[in-house]
C-alpha atoms as a PDB file:
ATOM      1  CA  MET A   1       6.705   4.923  17.914  1.00  0.00           C
ATOM      2  CA  ASN A   2       3.156   4.371  19.065  1.00  0.00           C
ATOM      3  CA  LEU A   3       1.602   1.102  17.994  1.00  0.00           C
ATOM      4  CA  TYR A   4      -1.658   2.885  17.156  1.00  0.00           C
ATOM      5  CA  THR A   5      -3.213   6.332  17.081  1.00  0.00           C
ATOM      6  CA  GLU A   6      -5.770   7.508  19.635  1.00  0.00           C
ATOM      7  CA  ALA A   7      -8.534   7.040  17.045  1.00  0.00           C
ATOM      8  CA  GLN A   8      -7.328   3.514  16.292  1.00  0.00           C
ATOM      9  CA  PHE A   9      -7.168   2.738  20.014  1.00  0.00           C
ATOM     10  CA  GLU A  10     -10.801   3.840  20.429  1.00  0.00           C
ATOM     11  CA  ARG A  11     -11.856   1.670  17.496  1.00  0.00           C
ATOM     12  CA  LEU A  12      -9.890  -1.309  18.837  1.00  0.00           C
ATOM     13  CA  LEU A  13     -11.601  -0.914  22.214  1.00  0.00           C
ATOM     14  CA  ALA A  14     -15.043  -0.603  20.590  1.00  0.00           C
ATOM     15  CA  GLN A  15     -14.455  -3.761  18.566  1.00  0.00           C
ATOM     16  CA  GLY A  16     -13.235  -5.488  21.731  1.00  0.00           C
ATOM     17  CA  LEU A  17     -16.705  -4.973  23.216  1.00  0.00           C
ATOM     18  CA  ASN A  18     -18.163  -7.102  20.391  1.00  0.00           C
ATOM     19  CA  ARG A  19     -15.844 -10.089  20.323  1.00  0.00           C
ATOM     20  CA  ASP A  20     -18.348 -12.332  18.579  1.00  0.00           C
ATOM     21  CA  GLN A  21     -18.132 -10.313  15.349  1.00  0.00           C
ATOM     22  CA  ASP A  22     -15.711 -10.780  12.467  1.00  0.00           C
ATOM     23  CA  HIS A  23     -14.059  -7.355  12.614  1.00  0.00           C
ATOM     24  CA  ARG A  24     -11.760  -5.768  10.099  1.00  0.00           C
ATOM     25  CA  PRO A  25      -8.202  -5.349  11.330  1.00  0.00           C
ATOM     26  CA  VAL A  26      -7.519  -1.802  12.496  1.00  0.00           C
ATOM     27  CA  VAL A  27      -3.736  -1.806  12.622  1.00  0.00           C
ATOM     28  CA  LYS A  28      -0.928  -3.649  10.874  1.00  0.00           C
ATOM     29  CA  LEU A  29       2.294  -3.908  12.874  1.00  0.00           C
ATOM     30  CA  PHE A  30       5.603  -5.352  11.711  1.00  0.00           C
ATOM     31  CA  THR A  31       9.267  -5.747  12.520  1.00  0.00           C
ATOM     32  CA  PRO A  32      11.318  -4.111   9.777  1.00  0.00           C
ATOM     33  CA  ASP A  33      14.227  -6.464  10.486  1.00  0.00           C
ATOM     34  CA  ALA A  34      12.675  -9.742  11.637  1.00  0.00           C
ATOM     35  CA  ASN A  35       9.869 -10.705   9.199  1.00  0.00           C
ATOM     36  CA  CYS A  36       7.088 -10.626  11.825  1.00  0.00           C
ATOM     37  CA  THR A  37       3.642  -9.137  11.169  1.00  0.00           C
ATOM     38  CA  TRP A  38       0.500  -8.623  13.238  1.00  0.00           C
ATOM     39  CA  LEU A  39      -2.971  -7.550  12.122  1.00  0.00           C
ATOM     40  CA  VAL A  40      -4.783  -6.262  15.202  1.00  0.00           C
ATOM     41  CA  SER A  41      -8.572  -6.073  15.313  1.00  0.00           C
ATOM     42  CA  GLU A  42      -9.474  -5.671  18.992  1.00  0.00           C
ATOM     43  CA  ILE A  43      -8.241  -4.624  22.402  1.00  0.00           C
ATOM     44  CA  ASP A  44      -9.737  -6.130  25.538  1.00  0.00           C
ATOM     45  CA  PRO A  45     -11.489  -3.213  27.301  1.00  0.00           C
ATOM     46  CA  GLU A  46     -10.948  -4.931  30.663  1.00  0.00           C
ATOM     47  CA  GLU A  47      -7.238  -5.511  29.967  1.00  0.00           C
ATOM     48  CA  PRO A  48      -6.094  -2.807  27.522  1.00  0.00           C
ATOM     49  CA  GLU A  49      -2.610  -4.313  27.232  1.00  0.00           C
ATOM     50  CA  ILE A  50      -4.101  -7.422  25.594  1.00  0.00           C
ATOM     51  CA  ALA A  51      -5.093  -7.303  21.947  1.00  0.00           C
ATOM     52  CA  PHE A  52      -6.466  -9.882  19.525  1.00  0.00           C
ATOM     53  CA  GLY A  53      -5.312 -10.416  15.996  1.00  0.00           C
ATOM     54  CA  LEU A  54      -3.561 -12.448  13.357  1.00  0.00           C
ATOM     55  CA  CYS A  55       0.070 -13.137  14.235  1.00  0.00           C
ATOM     56  CA  ASP A  56       2.737 -14.130  11.715  1.00  0.00           C
ATOM     57  CA  LEU A  57       6.199 -14.719  13.130  1.00  0.00           C
ATOM     58  CA  GLY A  58       7.604 -15.533   9.696  1.00  0.00           C
ATOM     59  CA  LEU A  59       7.738 -19.297  10.279  1.00  0.00           C
ATOM     60  CA  GLY A  60       4.911 -20.292   7.910  1.00  0.00           C
ATOM     61  CA  PHE A  61       2.310 -20.834  10.622  1.00  0.00           C
ATOM     62  CA  PRO A  62       0.245 -17.650  11.106  1.00  0.00           C
ATOM     63  CA  GLU A  63      -2.419 -17.873  13.784  1.00  0.00           C
ATOM     64  CA  LEU A  64      -5.191 -15.938  15.445  1.00  0.00           C
ATOM     65  CA  GLY A  65      -4.661 -15.191  19.088  1.00  0.00           C
ATOM     66  CA  CYS A  66      -4.029 -12.806  21.941  1.00  0.00           C
ATOM     67  CA  ILE A  67      -1.181 -10.336  21.722  1.00  0.00           C
ATOM     68  CA  SER A  68       0.619  -8.661  24.608  1.00  0.00           C
ATOM     69  CA  LEU A  69       1.024  -5.035  23.608  1.00  0.00           C
ATOM     70  CA  ALA A  70       3.701  -4.599  26.287  1.00  0.00           C
ATOM     71  CA  GLU A  71       5.712  -7.389  24.676  1.00  0.00           C
ATOM     72  CA  LEU A  72       5.330  -5.811  21.244  1.00  0.00           C
ATOM     73  CA  ARG A  73       6.579  -2.479  22.593  1.00  0.00           C
ATOM     74  CA  SER A  74       9.678  -4.154  24.027  1.00  0.00           C
ATOM     75  CA  LEU A  75      10.353  -6.447  21.048  1.00  0.00           C
ATOM     76  CA  ARG A  76      13.395  -5.760  18.887  1.00  0.00           C
ATOM     77  CA  GLY A  77      14.386  -7.427  15.655  1.00  0.00           C
ATOM     78  CA  ASN A  78      17.795  -8.637  14.508  1.00  0.00           C
ATOM     79  CA  LEU A  79      19.138  -5.103  14.074  1.00  0.00           C
ATOM     80  CA  GLY A  80      17.547  -3.797  17.266  1.00  0.00           C
ATOM     81  CA  LEU A  81      14.684  -2.046  15.479  1.00  0.00           C
ATOM     82  CA  PRO A  82      11.319  -1.834  17.283  1.00  0.00           C
ATOM     83  CA  VAL A  83       7.920  -2.917  16.013  1.00  0.00           C
ATOM     84  CA  GLU A  84       6.438  -0.334  13.644  1.00  0.00           C
ATOM     85  CA  ARG A  85       2.962   0.513  12.426  1.00  0.00           C
ATOM     86  CA  ASP A  86       2.208   0.329   8.710  1.00  0.00           C
ATOM     87  CA  PHE A  87       0.821   3.797   8.034  1.00  0.00           C
ATOM     88  CA  SER A  88      -0.544   2.792   4.624  1.00  0.00           C
ATOM     89  CA  PHE A  89      -2.561  -0.233   5.797  1.00  0.00           C
ATOM     90  CA  THR A  90      -6.323  -0.143   5.337  1.00  0.00           C
ATOM     91  CA  ALA A  91      -8.249  -3.359   5.830  1.00  0.00           C
ATOM     92  CA  GLU A  92     -10.487  -4.271   2.924  1.00  0.00           C
ATOM     93  CA  HIS A  93     -11.831  -7.472   4.471  1.00  0.00           C
ATOM     94  CA  PRO A  94     -12.777  -8.919   7.870  1.00  0.00           C
ATOM     95  CA  MET A  95     -10.192 -10.836   9.875  1.00  0.00           C
ATOM     96  CA  SER A  96     -11.521 -14.225   8.708  1.00  0.00           C
ATOM     97  CA  VAL A  97     -10.446 -13.421   5.138  1.00  0.00           C
ATOM     98  CA  TYR A  98      -6.935 -12.358   6.169  1.00  0.00           C
ATOM     99  CA  ALA A  99      -6.644 -15.469   8.346  1.00  0.00           C
ATOM    100  CA  GLU A 100      -7.746 -17.774   5.514  1.00  0.00           C
ATOM    101  CA  ALA A 101      -5.384 -16.101   3.036  1.00  0.00           C
ATOM    102  CA  ALA A 102      -2.556 -16.384   5.571  1.00  0.00           C
ATOM    103  CA  ARG A 103      -3.341 -20.053   6.124  1.00  0.00           C
ATOM    104  CA  GLN A 104      -3.336 -20.723   2.380  1.00  0.00           C
ATOM    105  CA  GLY A 105      -0.164 -18.719   1.729  1.00  0.00           C
ATOM    106  CA  GLU A 106       1.638 -19.527   4.984  1.00  0.00           C
ATOM    107  CA  GLY A 107       1.919 -15.841   5.870  1.00  0.00           C
ATOM    108  CA  ILE A 108      -0.038 -12.613   6.147  1.00  0.00           C
ATOM    109  CA  THR A 109      -0.707 -11.061   2.768  1.00  0.00           C
ATOM    110  CA  GLU A 110      -2.445  -8.047   1.292  1.00  0.00           C
ATOM    111  CA  ASP A 111      -2.301  -9.472  -2.220  1.00  0.00           C
ATOM    112  CA  THR A 112      -5.703  -8.870  -3.829  1.00  0.00           C
ATOM    113  CA  SER A 113      -5.763 -12.198  -5.670  1.00  0.00           C
ATOM    114  CA  SER A 114      -4.912 -14.162  -2.517  1.00  0.00           C
ATOM    115  CA  LEU A 115      -7.567 -12.332  -0.526  1.00  0.00           C
ATOM    116  CA  LEU A 116     -10.220 -12.971  -3.186  1.00  0.00           C
ATOM    117  CA  GLN A 117      -9.295 -16.677  -3.213  1.00  0.00           C
ATOM    118  CA  ALA A 118      -9.734 -16.670   0.567  1.00  0.00           C
ATOM    119  CA  VAL A 119     -13.176 -15.051   0.221  1.00  0.00           C
ATOM    120  CA  ALA A 120     -14.178 -17.747  -2.298  1.00  0.00           C
ATOM    121  CA  ALA A 121     -12.920 -20.518   0.002  1.00  0.00           C
ATOM    122  CA  LEU A 122     -14.848 -19.124   2.964  1.00  0.00           C
ATOM    123  CA  VAL A 123     -18.052 -18.766   0.922  1.00  0.00           C
ATOM    124  CA  ALA A 124     -17.709 -22.328  -0.386  1.00  0.00           C
ATOM    125  CA  ARG A 125     -17.104 -23.629   3.143  1.00  0.00           C
ATOM    126  CA  ARG A 126     -20.256 -21.884   4.451  1.00  0.00           C
ATOM    127  CA  ARG A 127     -22.347 -23.375   1.648  1.00  0.00           C
ATOM    128  CA  SER A 128     -21.254 -26.932   2.327  1.00  0.00           C
END
């Protein structure tokens, strides 16, 4: 399976040209048999095998960072299943909100209530 569509790849590259912005994730990837999830927002145009996103390896410590797409393609979970793309994922918020919600909940979430709490926390932090 491809990690992203051609249209998603173009968007990831475009967002990679503007690294100083708080982009919305473009793609959600996961291991169906190993509890790992990645929200990818950018690909480095100079090194298209390096992406940036929120990484959750299922250990309770999600973090923002660089992702080797080659490693993701070769990764297999406990049952030997490859990384898959979540076809139903559509980002409703910028990466900062997903990162804050993941920090608060110790894992990537799409739960509306958790994401709204993250928005409130980020707004409060900016005001102080």
